[in-house]
N, C-alpha and C. Protein backbone atom coordinates (compact mmCIF):
# COMPACT_ATOMS: atom_id res chain seq x y z
N MET A 1 -14.07 45.40 -0.10
CA MET A 1 -15.10 46.07 -1.14
C MET A 1 -14.83 47.35 -0.94
N ARG A 2 -15.20 47.70 -1.75
CA ARG A 2 -14.75 49.31 -1.70
C ARG A 2 -16.17 50.51 -0.91
N LYS A 3 -17.02 49.45 -0.53
CA LYS A 3 -17.91 50.31 0.22
C LYS A 3 -18.47 51.83 -0.11
N GLN A 4 -18.56 52.06 -1.54
CA GLN A 4 -18.98 53.21 -2.29
C GLN A 4 -18.24 54.63 -1.83
N LYS A 5 -16.51 54.05 -1.80
CA LYS A 5 -15.73 55.08 -1.41
C LYS A 5 -15.56 56.11 -2.59
N LYS A 6 -15.28 57.48 -2.31
CA LYS A 6 -14.97 58.49 -3.71
C LYS A 6 -13.63 58.18 -3.98
N GLY A 7 -13.17 58.31 -4.88
CA GLY A 7 -11.89 58.54 -5.35
C GLY A 7 -11.18 57.50 -5.98
N ARG A 8 -10.01 57.76 -6.28
CA ARG A 8 -9.15 56.17 -6.47
C ARG A 8 -8.16 56.07 -5.64
N ALA A 9 -7.70 54.70 -5.40
CA ALA A 9 -6.95 54.65 -4.33
C ALA A 9 -5.19 54.98 -4.83
N LEU A 10 -5.00 54.82 -6.16
CA LEU A 10 -3.78 55.01 -6.79
C LEU A 10 -3.03 54.12 -6.16
N SER A 11 -3.08 53.10 -5.32
CA SER A 11 -1.92 51.94 -5.10
C SER A 11 -1.33 52.75 -3.82
N ARG A 12 -2.14 53.17 -3.09
CA ARG A 12 -1.39 54.29 -2.04
C ARG A 12 -2.09 54.76 -0.87
N MET A 13 -1.16 54.79 0.42
CA MET A 13 -1.68 55.14 1.62
C MET A 13 -2.48 56.61 1.44
N LYS A 14 -3.65 56.59 2.44
CA LYS A 14 -3.97 58.13 2.25
C LYS A 14 -2.85 59.30 2.63
N ALA A 15 -2.29 59.10 3.23
CA ALA A 15 -1.04 60.63 3.34
C ALA A 15 -0.37 60.36 2.10
N GLN A 16 0.14 59.35 1.30
CA GLN A 16 0.94 59.26 -0.25
C GLN A 16 0.33 60.01 -1.32
N ARG A 17 -1.26 59.31 -1.11
CA ARG A 17 -2.16 59.90 -2.44
C ARG A 17 -2.25 61.12 -2.09
N GLU A 18 -2.46 61.86 -0.94
CA GLU A 18 -2.98 63.28 -0.97
C GLU A 18 -1.41 64.19 -1.21
N ALA A 19 -0.18 63.44 -1.03
CA ALA A 19 0.90 64.11 -1.18
C ALA A 19 1.03 64.15 -2.69
N LEU A 20 0.65 63.09 -3.16
CA LEU A 20 0.93 62.82 -4.92
C LEU A 20 0.14 63.88 -5.38
N LEU A 21 -1.17 64.01 -5.20
CA LEU A 21 -2.31 64.83 -5.83
C LEU A 21 -1.78 66.40 -5.63
N LEU A 22 -1.36 66.54 -4.48
CA LEU A 22 -0.77 67.94 -4.30
C LEU A 22 0.23 68.42 -5.06
N SER A 23 1.44 67.46 -5.25
CA SER A 23 2.55 67.93 -6.17
C SER A 23 2.07 67.81 -7.61
N LEU A 24 1.34 67.02 -7.87
CA LEU A 24 0.44 67.02 -9.28
C LEU A 24 -0.04 68.37 -9.46
N ALA A 25 -0.84 68.83 -8.64
CA ALA A 25 -1.70 70.05 -8.74
C ALA A 25 -0.58 71.15 -8.93
N LYS A 26 0.46 71.51 -7.93
CA LYS A 26 1.39 72.31 -7.85
C LYS A 26 1.85 72.31 -9.12
N ALA A 27 2.49 71.17 -9.94
CA ALA A 27 3.16 71.39 -11.20
C ALA A 27 2.25 71.95 -12.01
N LEU A 28 1.11 71.32 -12.14
CA LEU A 28 -0.17 72.03 -12.97
C LEU A 28 -0.30 73.15 -13.06
N PHE A 29 -0.30 73.76 -11.98
CA PHE A 29 -0.33 75.32 -11.53
C PHE A 29 0.69 75.72 -12.49
N LEU A 30 1.77 75.40 -11.92
CA LEU A 30 2.94 76.20 -12.73
C LEU A 30 3.13 76.09 -13.76
N LYS A 31 2.94 75.04 -14.50
CA LYS A 31 3.27 74.54 -15.79
C LYS A 31 2.39 74.69 -16.73
N GLY A 32 1.21 74.62 -16.26
CA GLY A 32 -0.36 75.04 -16.98
C GLY A 32 -0.39 73.39 -17.95
N LYS A 33 0.35 72.19 -18.05
CA LYS A 33 0.41 70.91 -18.57
C LYS A 33 1.07 70.09 -18.05
N ILE A 34 0.94 68.88 -17.73
CA ILE A 34 1.46 68.09 -17.29
C ILE A 34 1.09 66.65 -18.00
N LYS A 35 1.88 65.75 -18.02
CA LYS A 35 1.96 64.45 -18.46
C LYS A 35 1.95 63.05 -17.32
N THR A 36 1.11 62.39 -17.58
CA THR A 36 1.00 61.24 -16.55
C THR A 36 -0.13 60.43 -16.74
N THR A 37 -0.37 59.50 -16.07
CA THR A 37 -1.23 58.21 -16.03
C THR A 37 -2.63 58.72 -16.20
N GLU A 38 -3.55 57.91 -16.67
CA GLU A 38 -5.06 58.44 -16.71
C GLU A 38 -5.32 58.64 -15.29
N ALA A 39 -5.21 57.44 -14.97
CA ALA A 39 -5.99 57.40 -13.42
C ALA A 39 -5.69 59.01 -12.79
N LYS A 40 -4.44 59.17 -12.67
CA LYS A 40 -3.45 60.33 -11.76
C LYS A 40 -4.11 61.87 -12.38
N ALA A 41 -4.23 61.63 -13.75
CA ALA A 41 -4.85 62.68 -14.44
C ALA A 41 -6.34 63.31 -13.87
N LYS A 42 -7.21 61.93 -13.94
CA LYS A 42 -8.67 62.28 -13.76
C LYS A 42 -8.87 62.69 -12.06
N GLU A 43 -7.66 62.17 -11.24
CA GLU A 43 -7.86 62.18 -9.74
C GLU A 43 -7.31 63.78 -9.45
N THR A 44 -6.29 64.24 -10.43
CA THR A 44 -5.78 65.54 -10.31
C THR A 44 -6.88 66.64 -10.87
N ARG A 45 -7.62 66.38 -11.67
CA ARG A 45 -8.41 67.33 -11.84
C ARG A 45 -9.76 67.80 -10.97
N ARG A 46 -9.92 66.35 -10.24
CA ARG A 46 -10.75 66.52 -9.31
C ARG A 46 -10.35 67.84 -8.21
N PHE A 47 -8.91 67.39 -7.92
CA PHE A 47 -8.32 68.09 -6.80
C PHE A 47 -8.21 69.57 -7.52
N ALA A 48 -7.77 69.68 -8.46
CA ALA A 48 -7.37 71.10 -9.00
C ALA A 48 -8.71 71.98 -9.46
N GLU A 49 -9.65 71.16 -10.36
CA GLU A 49 -10.93 72.32 -10.31
C GLU A 49 -11.60 72.69 -8.62
N LYS A 50 -11.42 71.87 -7.68
CA LYS A 50 -12.22 72.21 -6.42
C LYS A 50 -11.28 73.37 -6.23
N LEU A 51 -9.95 73.69 -6.20
CA LEU A 51 -9.27 74.48 -5.77
C LEU A 51 -9.44 75.86 -6.25
N ILE A 52 -9.67 75.69 -7.73
CA ILE A 52 -9.84 76.95 -8.60
C ILE A 52 -11.43 77.43 -8.32
N THR A 53 -12.24 76.70 -7.97
CA THR A 53 -13.17 77.19 -7.52
C THR A 53 -13.21 77.83 -6.15
N ASN A 54 -12.92 77.38 -5.57
CA ASN A 54 -12.79 77.97 -4.05
C ASN A 54 -11.99 79.31 -4.57
N ALA A 55 -10.69 79.23 -5.00
CA ALA A 55 -9.92 80.53 -5.24
C ALA A 55 -10.73 81.49 -6.10
N LYS A 56 -11.92 81.19 -7.16
CA LYS A 56 -12.36 82.10 -7.82
C LYS A 56 -13.28 83.17 -6.80
N LYS A 57 -13.63 82.74 -5.68
CA LYS A 57 -14.41 83.23 -4.45
C LYS A 57 -13.50 84.53 -3.77
N GLY A 58 -12.42 84.40 -4.08
CA GLY A 58 -11.44 85.92 -3.20
C GLY A 58 -11.70 85.79 -1.80
N THR A 59 -12.54 85.40 -1.14
CA THR A 59 -12.55 85.86 0.11
C THR A 59 -11.46 85.22 0.88
N VAL A 60 -11.52 85.76 1.89
CA VAL A 60 -9.95 85.47 3.15
C VAL A 60 -10.24 83.74 3.36
N ALA A 61 -11.45 83.68 3.91
CA ALA A 61 -11.27 82.13 3.98
C ALA A 61 -11.07 81.39 2.99
N SER A 62 -11.27 81.57 1.56
CA SER A 62 -10.97 81.05 0.13
C SER A 62 -9.66 80.79 0.21
N ARG A 63 -8.60 81.88 0.24
CA ARG A 63 -7.38 81.89 0.32
C ARG A 63 -6.54 81.19 1.46
N ARG A 64 -7.35 81.38 2.64
CA ARG A 64 -6.61 80.25 3.63
C ARG A 64 -6.65 78.85 2.90
N SER A 65 -7.45 78.61 2.53
CA SER A 65 -7.74 77.30 2.22
C SER A 65 -6.78 76.60 1.08
N PHE A 66 -6.10 77.32 0.50
CA PHE A 66 -5.28 77.00 -0.42
C PHE A 66 -3.62 77.73 0.26
N SER A 67 -3.69 77.95 1.58
CA SER A 67 -2.42 78.44 1.84
C SER A 67 -1.24 77.54 2.06
N PHE A 68 -1.55 76.28 1.92
CA PHE A 68 -0.65 75.15 1.86
C PHE A 68 0.09 75.05 0.83
N PHE A 69 -0.25 75.92 -0.33
CA PHE A 69 0.61 76.27 -1.22
C PHE A 69 1.80 77.23 -0.93
N ALA A 70 3.02 76.77 -1.58
CA ALA A 70 4.00 78.00 -1.41
C ALA A 70 3.77 79.31 -2.27
N LYS A 71 4.66 79.99 -1.94
CA LYS A 71 4.35 81.65 -2.80
C LYS A 71 4.16 81.05 -4.52
N PRO A 72 5.36 80.64 -5.24
CA PRO A 72 4.83 80.81 -6.72
C PRO A 72 3.89 79.76 -6.85
N GLU A 73 3.24 78.78 -6.34
CA GLU A 73 1.91 78.07 -6.67
C GLU A 73 0.94 79.06 -6.45
N ALA A 74 0.72 79.28 -5.13
CA ALA A 74 -0.17 80.22 -4.56
C ALA A 74 -0.53 81.31 -5.71
N ALA A 75 0.54 82.08 -5.97
CA ALA A 75 0.32 82.90 -7.17
C ALA A 75 -0.07 82.21 -8.67
N ALA A 76 0.09 81.13 -8.75
CA ALA A 76 -0.24 80.76 -10.16
C ALA A 76 -1.88 80.55 -10.27
N LEU A 77 -1.78 79.89 -8.81
CA LEU A 77 -3.76 79.47 -8.45
C LEU A 77 -4.25 80.56 -8.64
N ALA A 78 -3.87 82.08 -8.04
CA ALA A 78 -4.54 83.22 -8.09
C ALA A 78 -4.63 83.71 -9.48
N LYS A 79 -3.67 83.54 -10.35
CA LYS A 79 -3.81 84.12 -11.59
C LYS A 79 -4.72 83.04 -12.49
N ARG A 80 -4.52 81.78 -12.39
CA ARG A 80 -5.63 80.78 -12.73
C ARG A 80 -6.96 80.95 -13.07
N ALA A 81 -7.60 81.56 -11.69
CA ALA A 81 -8.95 81.60 -10.99
C ALA A 81 -9.34 82.73 -11.66
N GLU A 82 -8.19 83.93 -11.50
CA GLU A 82 -8.78 85.55 -12.17
C GLU A 82 -9.01 84.77 -13.42
N SER A 83 -8.28 84.24 -14.17
CA SER A 83 -8.39 84.23 -15.79
C SER A 83 -9.48 83.33 -16.35
N MET A 84 -10.45 82.41 -14.90
CA MET A 84 -11.14 81.93 -15.32
C MET A 84 -12.33 82.12 -14.41
N LYS A 85 -12.30 83.67 -14.21
CA LYS A 85 -13.73 84.33 -13.68
C LYS A 85 -15.13 84.01 -14.43
N ASN A 86 -14.93 83.89 -15.60
CA ASN A 86 -16.18 83.94 -16.37
C ASN A 86 -16.82 82.37 -16.75
N ARG A 87 -15.70 81.42 -16.77
CA ARG A 87 -16.03 80.16 -16.47
C ARG A 87 -16.81 79.65 -15.52
N LYS A 88 -18.10 78.68 -15.93
CA LYS A 88 -18.43 78.08 -14.39
C LYS A 88 -18.15 77.02 -13.92
N GLY A 89 -17.14 75.87 -14.93
CA GLY A 89 -16.55 74.80 -14.60
C GLY A 89 -15.81 74.34 -15.85
N GLY A 90 -15.48 73.33 -15.57
CA GLY A 90 -14.85 72.78 -16.59
C GLY A 90 -13.23 73.32 -17.04
N TYR A 91 -12.50 73.69 -15.89
CA TYR A 91 -11.29 74.35 -16.14
C TYR A 91 -9.84 73.53 -16.56
N THR A 92 -10.26 71.98 -16.85
CA THR A 92 -8.95 71.65 -17.21
C THR A 92 -9.78 70.23 -18.45
N ARG A 93 -8.93 70.22 -19.20
CA ARG A 93 -8.98 69.48 -20.10
C ARG A 93 -8.28 67.90 -19.99
N ILE A 94 -8.51 66.58 -20.07
CA ILE A 94 -7.40 65.57 -20.04
C ILE A 94 -7.38 65.01 -21.74
N MET A 95 -6.33 64.87 -22.52
CA MET A 95 -6.04 64.09 -23.43
C MET A 95 -5.44 62.83 -23.48
N LYS A 96 -6.36 61.82 -23.90
CA LYS A 96 -5.24 60.75 -23.98
C LYS A 96 -4.49 60.53 -24.92
N LEU A 97 -3.20 59.73 -24.44
CA LEU A 97 -2.23 59.33 -25.11
C LEU A 97 -2.19 57.81 -25.22
N GLY A 98 -1.18 57.45 -26.00
CA GLY A 98 -1.00 55.69 -26.27
C GLY A 98 -0.49 55.29 -25.21
N PRO A 99 -0.24 53.95 -24.96
CA PRO A 99 0.19 53.33 -23.41
C PRO A 99 1.75 53.79 -23.62
N ARG A 100 1.96 53.58 -22.11
CA ARG A 100 3.65 53.77 -21.80
C ARG A 100 4.37 52.64 -22.42
N MET A 101 5.51 52.88 -22.93
CA MET A 101 6.22 51.96 -23.71
C MET A 101 6.72 50.80 -22.48
N SER A 102 7.33 51.20 -21.30
CA SER A 102 8.02 50.32 -20.60
C SER A 102 6.71 49.29 -19.81
N ASN A 103 5.72 50.01 -19.51
CA ASN A 103 5.14 49.12 -18.81
C ASN A 103 3.19 48.96 -19.45
N GLY A 104 2.91 49.76 -20.25
CA GLY A 104 1.86 49.39 -20.84
C GLY A 104 0.75 50.49 -20.29
N ALA A 105 1.21 51.24 -19.38
CA ALA A 105 0.08 52.10 -18.55
C ALA A 105 -0.40 52.90 -19.37
N ARG A 106 -1.78 53.50 -19.35
CA ARG A 106 -2.45 54.45 -20.07
C ARG A 106 -2.04 55.90 -19.61
N MET A 107 -1.57 56.64 -20.42
CA MET A 107 -0.98 57.87 -20.57
C MET A 107 -2.20 58.94 -20.89
N ALA A 108 -1.82 60.20 -20.20
CA ALA A 108 -2.73 61.07 -20.93
C ALA A 108 -2.04 62.50 -20.50
N ILE A 109 -2.26 63.53 -21.25
CA ILE A 109 -1.99 65.23 -21.03
C ILE A 109 -3.17 65.56 -19.81
N ILE A 110 -2.97 66.55 -19.01
CA ILE A 110 -3.80 67.28 -18.30
C ILE A 110 -3.47 68.66 -18.38
N GLU A 111 -4.24 69.51 -18.96
CA GLU A 111 -3.75 70.89 -19.06
C GLU A 111 -5.09 71.66 -18.98
N PHE A 112 -4.79 73.26 -19.00
CA PHE A 112 -6.01 74.07 -18.51
C PHE A 112 -6.89 74.39 -19.69
N VAL A 113 -7.82 74.68 -19.92
CA VAL A 113 -8.43 74.95 -21.21
C VAL A 113 -8.88 76.69 -21.12
N GLU A 114 -8.31 77.38 -22.30
CA GLU A 114 -7.85 78.58 -22.18
C GLU A 114 -9.02 79.35 -22.45
């Protein structure tokens, strides 16, 4: 039973799931737009929007919270947070695509709202 746990398991153990979300968020910050499955896009949205909200504060503690990013990703995150200064939330958009040809998985594009 799920016991009201938050988030999706994505058929992975916790460490693998965290690594996956981190790499998807890094790619999203660097490229601005990525194509992935719907479930991964929805989880990445939760992860990335929390990072942007925290980065918008601009305090030392908030900068430390995303210090696990390498230099280019951290710079991209700071740049995105600066451009989203006037937005209250809803920094990303998920556009649903058709199913993947090989296995029929529902695909989506996640990108930043400008």
